[in-house]
């Protein structure tokens, strides 16, 4: 297995983190985004979207971080991380959708403003970040994990951009449940850190 990756991408970290947590044997291939390697003809032949991460396995190419986690969980039979029962699977899928929606366009977008000067309205994306963090804070009241009584790919999907939300000027200090949850993920065997960037509140 090969994971095409970039260290600043929270989506790439999400895939890398899950593969590490389950002990998958995978080679990490860094794609130089600054040089446009993700837009080369060779890379686009593997992933027409020209994005990282991308997983290569047995001649198949799986794009999208959430899809990569689903693929790996199913390939290795990890029903602890992706429940096979209808209600357990639905609870996880709900949060994968949040990761692709409110997280990407909240804390993820706020971070793009400070790191890449993306053209989002900073106040708007920071407000979006706090709106979804408020929901997650309430969801974690009295529980350790977001979708089950143990960690699942839902937790991994949410982790990276929330952990680095301060880089987008999103203050996490008032979210005690969220911070405790971040700590629990970071204490899991096989955890790999998402690289830090000295921008936003981390400047």
C-alpha atoms as a PDB file:
ATOM      1  CA  UNK A   1       0.000   0.000   0.000  1.00  0.00           C
ATOM      2  CA  UNK A   2       1.148   3.537  -0.786  1.00  0.00           C
ATOM      3  CA  UNK A   3      -0.337   6.714   0.664  1.00  0.00           C
ATOM      4  CA  UNK A   4       0.232   9.843  -1.402  1.00  0.00           C
ATOM      5  CA  UNK A   5       0.470  12.532   1.243  1.00  0.00           C
ATOM      6  CA  UNK A   6       1.410  16.087   2.171  1.00  0.00           C
ATOM      7  CA  UNK A   7       2.328  17.028   5.766  1.00  0.00           C
ATOM      8  CA  UNK A   8       0.273  20.261   5.877  1.00  0.00           C
ATOM      9  CA  UNK A   9      -2.943  18.594   4.645  1.00  0.00           C
ATOM     10  CA  UNK A  10      -5.360  17.665   7.408  1.00  0.00           C
ATOM     11  CA  UNK A  11      -7.108  15.300   5.005  1.00  0.00           C
ATOM     12  CA  UNK A  12      -3.811  13.518   4.357  1.00  0.00           C
ATOM     13  CA  UNK A  13      -3.060  13.387   8.084  1.00  0.00           C
ATOM     14  CA  UNK A  14      -6.493  11.872   8.724  1.00  0.00           C
ATOM     15  CA  UNK A  15      -5.720   8.969   6.378  1.00  0.00           C
ATOM     16  CA  UNK A  16      -2.161   8.563   7.694  1.00  0.00           C
ATOM     17  CA  UNK A  17      -3.381   8.586  11.290  1.00  0.00           C
ATOM     18  CA  UNK A  18      -5.973   5.874  10.767  1.00  0.00           C
ATOM     19  CA  UNK A  19      -3.593   3.619   8.850  1.00  0.00           C
ATOM     20  CA  UNK A  20      -1.097   4.009  11.688  1.00  0.00           C
ATOM     21  CA  UNK A  21      -3.699   3.356  14.392  1.00  0.00           C
ATOM     22  CA  UNK A  22      -4.583   0.008  12.797  1.00  0.00           C
ATOM     23  CA  UNK A  23      -0.949  -0.879  12.130  1.00  0.00           C
ATOM     24  CA  UNK A  24      -1.319  -1.055   8.353  1.00  0.00           C
ATOM     25  CA  UNK A  25       1.892  -1.566   6.384  1.00  0.00           C
ATOM     26  CA  UNK A  26       1.951   1.460   4.114  1.00  0.00           C
ATOM     27  CA  UNK A  27       4.618   3.482   2.339  1.00  0.00           C
ATOM     28  CA  UNK A  28       4.194   7.250   2.651  1.00  0.00           C
ATOM     29  CA  UNK A  29       4.852   9.112  -0.607  1.00  0.00           C
ATOM     30  CA  UNK A  30       5.081  12.887  -0.158  1.00  0.00           C
ATOM     31  CA  UNK A  31       3.541  14.842  -3.027  1.00  0.00           C
ATOM     32  CA  UNK A  32       5.170  18.245  -3.553  1.00  0.00           C
ATOM     33  CA  UNK A  33       2.140  20.515  -3.807  1.00  0.00           C
ATOM     34  CA  UNK A  34       4.300  23.631  -4.158  1.00  0.00           C
ATOM     35  CA  UNK A  35       5.811  22.194  -7.342  1.00  0.00           C
ATOM     36  CA  UNK A  36       2.394  21.149  -8.612  1.00  0.00           C
ATOM     37  CA  UNK A  37       3.086  17.416  -8.546  1.00  0.00           C
ATOM     38  CA  UNK A  38      -0.582  16.808  -7.727  1.00  0.00           C
ATOM     39  CA  UNK A  39      -1.525  18.411 -11.056  1.00  0.00           C
ATOM     40  CA  UNK A  40       0.975  16.446 -13.158  1.00  0.00           C
ATOM     41  CA  UNK A  41      -0.330  14.131 -15.873  1.00  0.00           C
ATOM     42  CA  UNK A  42       1.111  11.157 -14.000  1.00  0.00           C
ATOM     43  CA  UNK A  43      -0.722  12.009 -10.776  1.00  0.00           C
ATOM     44  CA  UNK A  44      -3.973  12.993 -12.499  1.00  0.00           C
ATOM     45  CA  UNK A  45      -4.000   9.571 -14.162  1.00  0.00           C
ATOM     46  CA  UNK A  46      -4.277   8.140 -10.639  1.00  0.00           C
ATOM     47  CA  UNK A  47      -6.658  10.772  -9.233  1.00  0.00           C
ATOM     48  CA  UNK A  48      -8.503  13.108 -11.592  1.00  0.00           C
ATOM     49  CA  UNK A  49      -9.277  15.461  -8.713  1.00  0.00           C
ATOM     50  CA  UNK A  50      -5.570  16.200  -8.297  1.00  0.00           C
ATOM     51  CA  UNK A  51      -5.746  16.046  -4.515  1.00  0.00           C
ATOM     52  CA  UNK A  52      -4.074  14.336  -1.591  1.00  0.00           C
ATOM     53  CA  UNK A  53      -4.462  11.924   0.043  1.00  0.00           C
ATOM     54  CA  UNK A  54      -4.622   9.034  -2.388  1.00  0.00           C
ATOM     55  CA  UNK A  55      -4.221   5.383  -1.442  1.00  0.00           C
ATOM     56  CA  UNK A  56      -2.762   2.870  -3.892  1.00  0.00           C
ATOM     57  CA  UNK A  57      -3.403  -0.796  -3.134  1.00  0.00           C
ATOM     58  CA  UNK A  58      -3.274  -3.834  -5.415  1.00  0.00           C
ATOM     59  CA  UNK A  59      -3.610  -1.702  -8.528  1.00  0.00           C
ATOM     60  CA  UNK A  60      -6.566   0.253  -7.151  1.00  0.00           C
ATOM     61  CA  UNK A  61      -6.502   3.969  -6.364  1.00  0.00           C
ATOM     62  CA  UNK A  62      -8.747   5.214  -3.564  1.00  0.00           C
ATOM     63  CA  UNK A  63      -9.149   8.992  -3.324  1.00  0.00           C
ATOM     64  CA  UNK A  64     -10.686  11.006  -0.473  1.00  0.00           C
ATOM     65  CA  UNK A  65      -9.582  10.663   3.143  1.00  0.00           C
ATOM     66  CA  UNK A  66     -12.915   9.350   4.437  1.00  0.00           C
ATOM     67  CA  UNK A  67     -13.122   6.813   1.597  1.00  0.00           C
ATOM     68  CA  UNK A  68      -9.576   5.675   2.404  1.00  0.00           C
ATOM     69  CA  UNK A  69     -10.530   5.070   6.034  1.00  0.00           C
ATOM     70  CA  UNK A  70     -13.653   3.135   5.042  1.00  0.00           C
ATOM     71  CA  UNK A  71     -11.612   1.071   2.575  1.00  0.00           C
ATOM     72  CA  UNK A  72      -8.896   0.258   5.107  1.00  0.00           C
ATOM     73  CA  UNK A  73     -11.366  -0.582   7.868  1.00  0.00           C
ATOM     74  CA  UNK A  74     -13.219  -2.975   5.563  1.00  0.00           C
ATOM     75  CA  UNK A  75     -10.064  -4.447   4.016  1.00  0.00           C
ATOM     76  CA  UNK A  76      -8.651  -5.336   7.419  1.00  0.00           C
ATOM     77  CA  UNK A  77     -11.987  -6.310   8.967  1.00  0.00           C
ATOM     78  CA  UNK A  78     -11.792  -3.563  11.603  1.00  0.00           C
ATOM     79  CA  UNK A  79     -15.416  -3.471  12.690  1.00  0.00           C
ATOM     80  CA  UNK A  80     -14.186  -1.904  15.939  1.00  0.00           C
ATOM     81  CA  UNK A  81     -13.345   1.232  13.922  1.00  0.00           C
ATOM     82  CA  UNK A  82     -16.233   0.975  11.426  1.00  0.00           C
ATOM     83  CA  UNK A  83     -19.220  -0.870  12.928  1.00  0.00           C
ATOM     84  CA  UNK A  84     -20.941  -3.384  10.655  1.00  0.00           C
ATOM     85  CA  UNK A  85     -24.371  -3.063  12.277  1.00  0.00           C
ATOM     86  CA  UNK A  86     -26.820  -0.559  10.738  1.00  0.00           C
ATOM     87  CA  UNK A  87     -27.120   1.856  13.656  1.00  0.00           C
ATOM     88  CA  UNK A  88     -23.403   1.782  14.480  1.00  0.00           C
ATOM     89  CA  UNK A  89     -22.484   2.377  10.843  1.00  0.00           C
ATOM     90  CA  UNK A  90     -25.017   5.198  10.548  1.00  0.00           C
ATOM     91  CA  UNK A  91     -23.671   6.948  13.652  1.00  0.00           C
ATOM     92  CA  UNK A  92     -20.179   6.889  12.183  1.00  0.00           C
ATOM     93  CA  UNK A  93     -21.350   8.047   8.753  1.00  0.00           C
ATOM     94  CA  UNK A  94     -23.114  11.022  10.315  1.00  0.00           C
ATOM     95  CA  UNK A  95     -19.764  12.330  11.577  1.00  0.00           C
ATOM     96  CA  UNK A  96     -17.908  11.542   8.358  1.00  0.00           C
ATOM     97  CA  UNK A  97     -20.413  13.890   6.718  1.00  0.00           C
ATOM     98  CA  UNK A  98     -19.723  16.530   9.372  1.00  0.00           C
ATOM     99  CA  UNK A  99     -15.979  16.164   8.743  1.00  0.00           C
ATOM    100  CA  UNK A 100     -16.521  16.680   5.001  1.00  0.00           C
ATOM    101  CA  UNK A 101     -18.929  19.573   5.603  1.00  0.00           C
ATOM    102  CA  UNK A 102     -18.887  21.746   8.698  1.00  0.00           C
ATOM    103  CA  UNK A 103     -15.332  20.827   9.714  1.00  0.00           C
ATOM    104  CA  UNK A 104     -13.866  21.356   6.243  1.00  0.00           C
ATOM    105  CA  UNK A 105     -15.694  24.660   5.776  1.00  0.00           C
ATOM    106  CA  UNK A 106     -15.219  25.807   9.391  1.00  0.00           C
ATOM    107  CA  UNK A 107     -11.879  25.147  11.098  1.00  0.00           C
ATOM    108  CA  UNK A 108     -10.422  23.685   7.902  1.00  0.00           C
ATOM    109  CA  UNK A 109     -11.227  26.789   5.873  1.00  0.00           C
ATOM    110  CA  UNK A 110     -10.077  29.133   8.666  1.00  0.00           C
ATOM    111  CA  UNK A 111      -6.688  27.409   8.585  1.00  0.00           C
ATOM    112  CA  UNK A 112      -6.507  27.804   4.792  1.00  0.00           C
ATOM    113  CA  UNK A 113      -6.846  31.565   5.270  1.00  0.00           C
ATOM    114  CA  UNK A 114      -3.813  31.850   7.540  1.00  0.00           C
ATOM    115  CA  UNK A 115      -1.556  29.294   5.827  1.00  0.00           C
ATOM    116  CA  UNK A 116      -2.415  29.768   2.141  1.00  0.00           C
ATOM    117  CA  UNK A 117      -4.157  33.174   2.131  1.00  0.00           C
ATOM    118  CA  UNK A 118      -7.322  31.504   0.814  1.00  0.00           C
ATOM    119  CA  UNK A 119     -10.082  33.909  -0.121  1.00  0.00           C
ATOM    120  CA  UNK A 120     -12.593  32.973   2.564  1.00  0.00           C
ATOM    121  CA  UNK A 121     -14.126  35.556   4.871  1.00  0.00           C
ATOM    122  CA  UNK A 122     -12.199  34.961   8.122  1.00  0.00           C
ATOM    123  CA  UNK A 123     -15.050  36.028  10.435  1.00  0.00           C
ATOM    124  CA  UNK A 124     -17.500  33.771   8.612  1.00  0.00           C
ATOM    125  CA  UNK A 125     -15.379  30.620   8.674  1.00  0.00           C
ATOM    126  CA  UNK A 126     -14.312  31.190  12.302  1.00  0.00           C
ATOM    127  CA  UNK A 127     -17.994  31.567  13.243  1.00  0.00           C
ATOM    128  CA  UNK A 128     -18.751  28.329  11.391  1.00  0.00           C
ATOM    129  CA  UNK A 129     -15.941  26.646  13.307  1.00  0.00           C
ATOM    130  CA  UNK A 130     -17.333  27.714  16.675  1.00  0.00           C
ATOM    131  CA  UNK A 131     -20.847  26.635  15.654  1.00  0.00           C
ATOM    132  CA  UNK A 132     -19.761  23.031  14.958  1.00  0.00           C
ATOM    133  CA  UNK A 133     -17.381  22.961  17.933  1.00  0.00           C
ATOM    134  CA  UNK A 134     -20.310  23.916  20.175  1.00  0.00           C
ATOM    135  CA  UNK A 135     -22.269  20.951  18.822  1.00  0.00           C
ATOM    136  CA  UNK A 136     -19.338  18.571  19.296  1.00  0.00           C
ATOM    137  CA  UNK A 137     -18.702  19.895  22.805  1.00  0.00           C
ATOM    138  CA  UNK A 138     -22.315  19.080  23.715  1.00  0.00           C
ATOM    139  CA  UNK A 139     -22.157  15.699  21.985  1.00  0.00           C
ATOM    140  CA  UNK A 140     -19.101  14.737  24.058  1.00  0.00           C
ATOM    141  CA  UNK A 141     -20.756  15.608  27.367  1.00  0.00           C
ATOM    142  CA  UNK A 142     -20.566  12.488  29.514  1.00  0.00           C
ATOM    143  CA  UNK A 143     -18.901  10.377  26.834  1.00  0.00           C
ATOM    144  CA  UNK A 144     -15.349   9.700  25.685  1.00  0.00           C
ATOM    145  CA  UNK A 145     -15.892   9.190  21.942  1.00  0.00           C
ATOM    146  CA  UNK A 146     -18.089  10.817  19.344  1.00  0.00           C
ATOM    147  CA  UNK A 147     -19.985   7.871  17.808  1.00  0.00           C
ATOM    148  CA  UNK A 148     -19.566   4.836  20.085  1.00  0.00           C
ATOM    149  CA  UNK A 149     -18.207   3.722  23.457  1.00  0.00           C
ATOM    150  CA  UNK A 150     -14.771   3.295  21.810  1.00  0.00           C
ATOM    151  CA  UNK A 151     -12.843   5.186  19.124  1.00  0.00           C
ATOM    152  CA  UNK A 152     -14.053   4.879  15.531  1.00  0.00           C
ATOM    153  CA  UNK A 153     -13.117   6.442  12.213  1.00  0.00           C
ATOM    154  CA  UNK A 154     -15.598   9.196  13.123  1.00  0.00           C
ATOM    155  CA  UNK A 155     -13.154  10.417  15.790  1.00  0.00           C
ATOM    156  CA  UNK A 156     -10.236  10.221  13.362  1.00  0.00           C
ATOM    157  CA  UNK A 157     -12.195  12.107  10.695  1.00  0.00           C
ATOM    158  CA  UNK A 158     -12.833  15.014  13.056  1.00  0.00           C
ATOM    159  CA  UNK A 159      -9.458  15.113  14.788  1.00  0.00           C
ATOM    160  CA  UNK A 160      -6.910  16.761  12.472  1.00  0.00           C
ATOM    161  CA  UNK A 161      -8.642  20.047  11.646  1.00  0.00           C
ATOM    162  CA  UNK A 162      -9.994  20.448  15.165  1.00  0.00           C
ATOM    163  CA  UNK A 163      -6.559  19.837  16.692  1.00  0.00           C
ATOM    164  CA  UNK A 164      -5.048  22.518  14.460  1.00  0.00           C
ATOM    165  CA  UNK A 165      -8.014  24.923  14.614  1.00  0.00           C
ATOM    166  CA  UNK A 166      -5.920  27.522  16.511  1.00  0.00           C
ATOM    167  CA  UNK A 167      -3.792  27.873  13.372  1.00  0.00           C
ATOM    168  CA  UNK A 168      -6.918  29.397  11.814  1.00  0.00           C
ATOM    169  CA  UNK A 169      -7.485  31.747  14.796  1.00  0.00           C
ATOM    170  CA  UNK A 170     -10.115  29.434  16.285  1.00  0.00           C
ATOM    171  CA  UNK A 171      -9.667  29.437  20.060  1.00  0.00           C
ATOM    172  CA  UNK A 172     -10.304  26.021  21.631  1.00  0.00           C
ATOM    173  CA  UNK A 173      -9.791  27.095  25.244  1.00  0.00           C
ATOM    174  CA  UNK A 174     -13.512  27.146  26.141  1.00  0.00           C
ATOM    175  CA  UNK A 175     -14.185  23.594  24.889  1.00  0.00           C
ATOM    176  CA  UNK A 176     -13.198  21.347  27.781  1.00  0.00           C
ATOM    177  CA  UNK A 177     -14.847  18.210  26.414  1.00  0.00           C
ATOM    178  CA  UNK A 178     -13.259  18.714  23.013  1.00  0.00           C
ATOM    179  CA  UNK A 179      -9.816  19.216  24.520  1.00  0.00           C
ATOM    180  CA  UNK A 180     -10.142  16.103  26.668  1.00  0.00           C
ATOM    181  CA  UNK A 181     -11.253  14.141  23.596  1.00  0.00           C
ATOM    182  CA  UNK A 182      -8.247  15.410  21.618  1.00  0.00           C
ATOM    183  CA  UNK A 183      -6.025  14.157  24.426  1.00  0.00           C
ATOM    184  CA  UNK A 184      -7.646  10.723  24.339  1.00  0.00           C
ATOM    185  CA  UNK A 185      -6.986  10.414  20.613  1.00  0.00           C
ATOM    186  CA  UNK A 186      -3.378  11.523  21.083  1.00  0.00           C
ATOM    187  CA  UNK A 187      -2.920   8.808  23.735  1.00  0.00           C
ATOM    188  CA  UNK A 188      -4.007   5.992  21.391  1.00  0.00           C
ATOM    189  CA  UNK A 189      -1.305   3.454  20.435  1.00  0.00           C
ATOM    190  CA  UNK A 190      -0.064   4.234  16.943  1.00  0.00           C
ATOM    191  CA  UNK A 191      -0.980   7.934  17.089  1.00  0.00           C
ATOM    192  CA  UNK A 192       1.015  10.145  14.699  1.00  0.00           C
ATOM    193  CA  UNK A 193       1.102  13.884  15.203  1.00  0.00           C
ATOM    194  CA  UNK A 194      -0.191  16.353  12.633  1.00  0.00           C
ATOM    195  CA  UNK A 195       2.608  18.828  11.923  1.00  0.00           C
ATOM    196  CA  UNK A 196       2.184  22.286  13.387  1.00  0.00           C
ATOM    197  CA  UNK A 197       2.369  25.574  11.502  1.00  0.00           C
ATOM    198  CA  UNK A 198       3.269  28.827  13.264  1.00  0.00           C
ATOM    199  CA  UNK A 199       0.264  30.830  12.101  1.00  0.00           C
ATOM    200  CA  UNK A 200      -2.922  32.159  13.655  1.00  0.00           C
ATOM    201  CA  UNK A 201      -3.016  31.706  17.417  1.00  0.00           C
ATOM    202  CA  UNK A 202       0.099  29.528  17.161  1.00  0.00           C
ATOM    203  CA  UNK A 203       2.166  32.319  15.628  1.00  0.00           C
END
